[in-house]
Amino acid sequence: MSSRNGRREFIKSGALAGLGALSSAGRARAAGRLHARAGGTRFGAVAAPDKLEERALRGLKLFTDWLAANSAKGFIGELGFPGDRNKLDEYNCGRTPRRFKDDYVKWNNLAEAWFRRADEAKLWATIWATGEWWGDYTLAVYKKSSESAPSVNATNTQSLVFERHLSTPDYERGITVAGGEFGANSGTEETLRKFSNRKPGVYEDDYHYDTQATFDYLAARGVTLVRIPFRWERIQPRLLGALDAAELRRLREAVERARKSRAGMPRGMKVILDVHNFGAYYEDADGSGKGKRRDFRERNFAQYLVDLWARLSAEFKAVPDVFYGLMCEPVDPETEKDVRRTAMTEAWEAACQQTLDKIRASGDNKLILLSGYLWSGVLNWGTQHPRGWVKDPQNNVLYEAHHYWDSDSSGHYCLSYDDELRRIG
């Protein structure tokens, strides 16, 4: 998932901003008060699930059953659900009015059930999302307390569940810190008029990596893992070419800011490097000013991903606790609505193996995260990938799926919880 927009600023989120400064006991009391005001009865307790919760848990079970059948380890790289809101995401949902009063309590109840199942499966996960440029985005778990605040410093209602299910010795839990992927596309467009390797955008105007204060705040909330998205076209302006020195410096500095965020952690937070490109590279090869999509429909496209990660590995293999997310949500425009396994699925699997082999050949034994094809969704996972598709001599990979709970799995949540239930019938 991606921002689809450039810079955004936060509109104050009412009383929730004050939760950020409370002690853990105070946060628990505040959470109870918020829930009581909303008329909730299930948060943190066991009760019969409704049909929407049942659907979400079935989706999660599809993935965990696949992991068990393949003796594999897994990771939910993105999950997200709405916080307290009084309006829609107009960019993705239009201006249709909906009733959202206290809607977040119902989503939190579902999330609590989901996280309990994920805990039982010892499943890694990074929730979507936070970031200094997210504005009033409804899925932002942490936000800025005011438009003028320089960094993320306040909670949204999702944190009431998320902070009950943070990392343990058995699994890591964290959050995506968005911004480095902003100012680009978030899907399968064949041509982009405003973005390409030659028009990658202007740093601090089109995209942004968050400041030290935001990483410190997340660490203070108990977050031990962050996922940092960035764009391939910015870090490598020419396929098979050198990494861009300025962009590499920005990415390294963002990683170091996360690594410096102590909050009781001897070496700071752990970091996932996330190539947020949807299985493609947008190249302006002829100077036309348009970025034209190149992807795994090309017979030898895998060589470009292998080369990118060989170069990134050389830069980061000596940095402790940095993990490699090879590609976010690989997909192609010709088969994106075809749930069947396709030649593109097979091409992606082969590219994963080739990239892993190249990284391991250099002596880099870091954890590698392998996204599923077709948006990485849990519902079509077993159809796209009947079995695990890489062999790793280090046995240090996680298969990465994404899971959003709205009816179209888009993460836009254009319907209220009750409207989603009515759609199920």
Foldseek 3Di string as FASTA:
>chain_A
DADQAFFAFAAADPPQQVLLPDDPVVNLVVLVVVCVVLVDDPQPHDDDDAPLLVVQVVLVVLVLVQCVVFVAAAEAAEEFDFFQDQAAPCVPQNHDGADARSLRSVVNNSVLVVLVVCVVSLYEYAYDAAERRNYHDGRHQWYPNHRPGQETRGGTSNLSRLLVRADDPSYHYYYEHDFQAFQDHQDADQKAQQDALVRPDDEPGGTYQGDLVHLLSRVLSVHQEYEYEHEPSQQASDQLDHGDPVVVVRVVVSQVSQQPNPNPNPRGHAYEYEHEDQFWHFHPPPPPSMTGTDGLVDPPPLVRLLSVLLNVLVVPLVPPRYEYESYAAHEHPVCLPPLAADVSLVSLLVSVQSNLVSSVVVVRLHAYEAAHYNRQASVSRCRNPVHDRYDHPNSRYHYYHHAYSAPVRPNSCSHRPVVSSVVVD
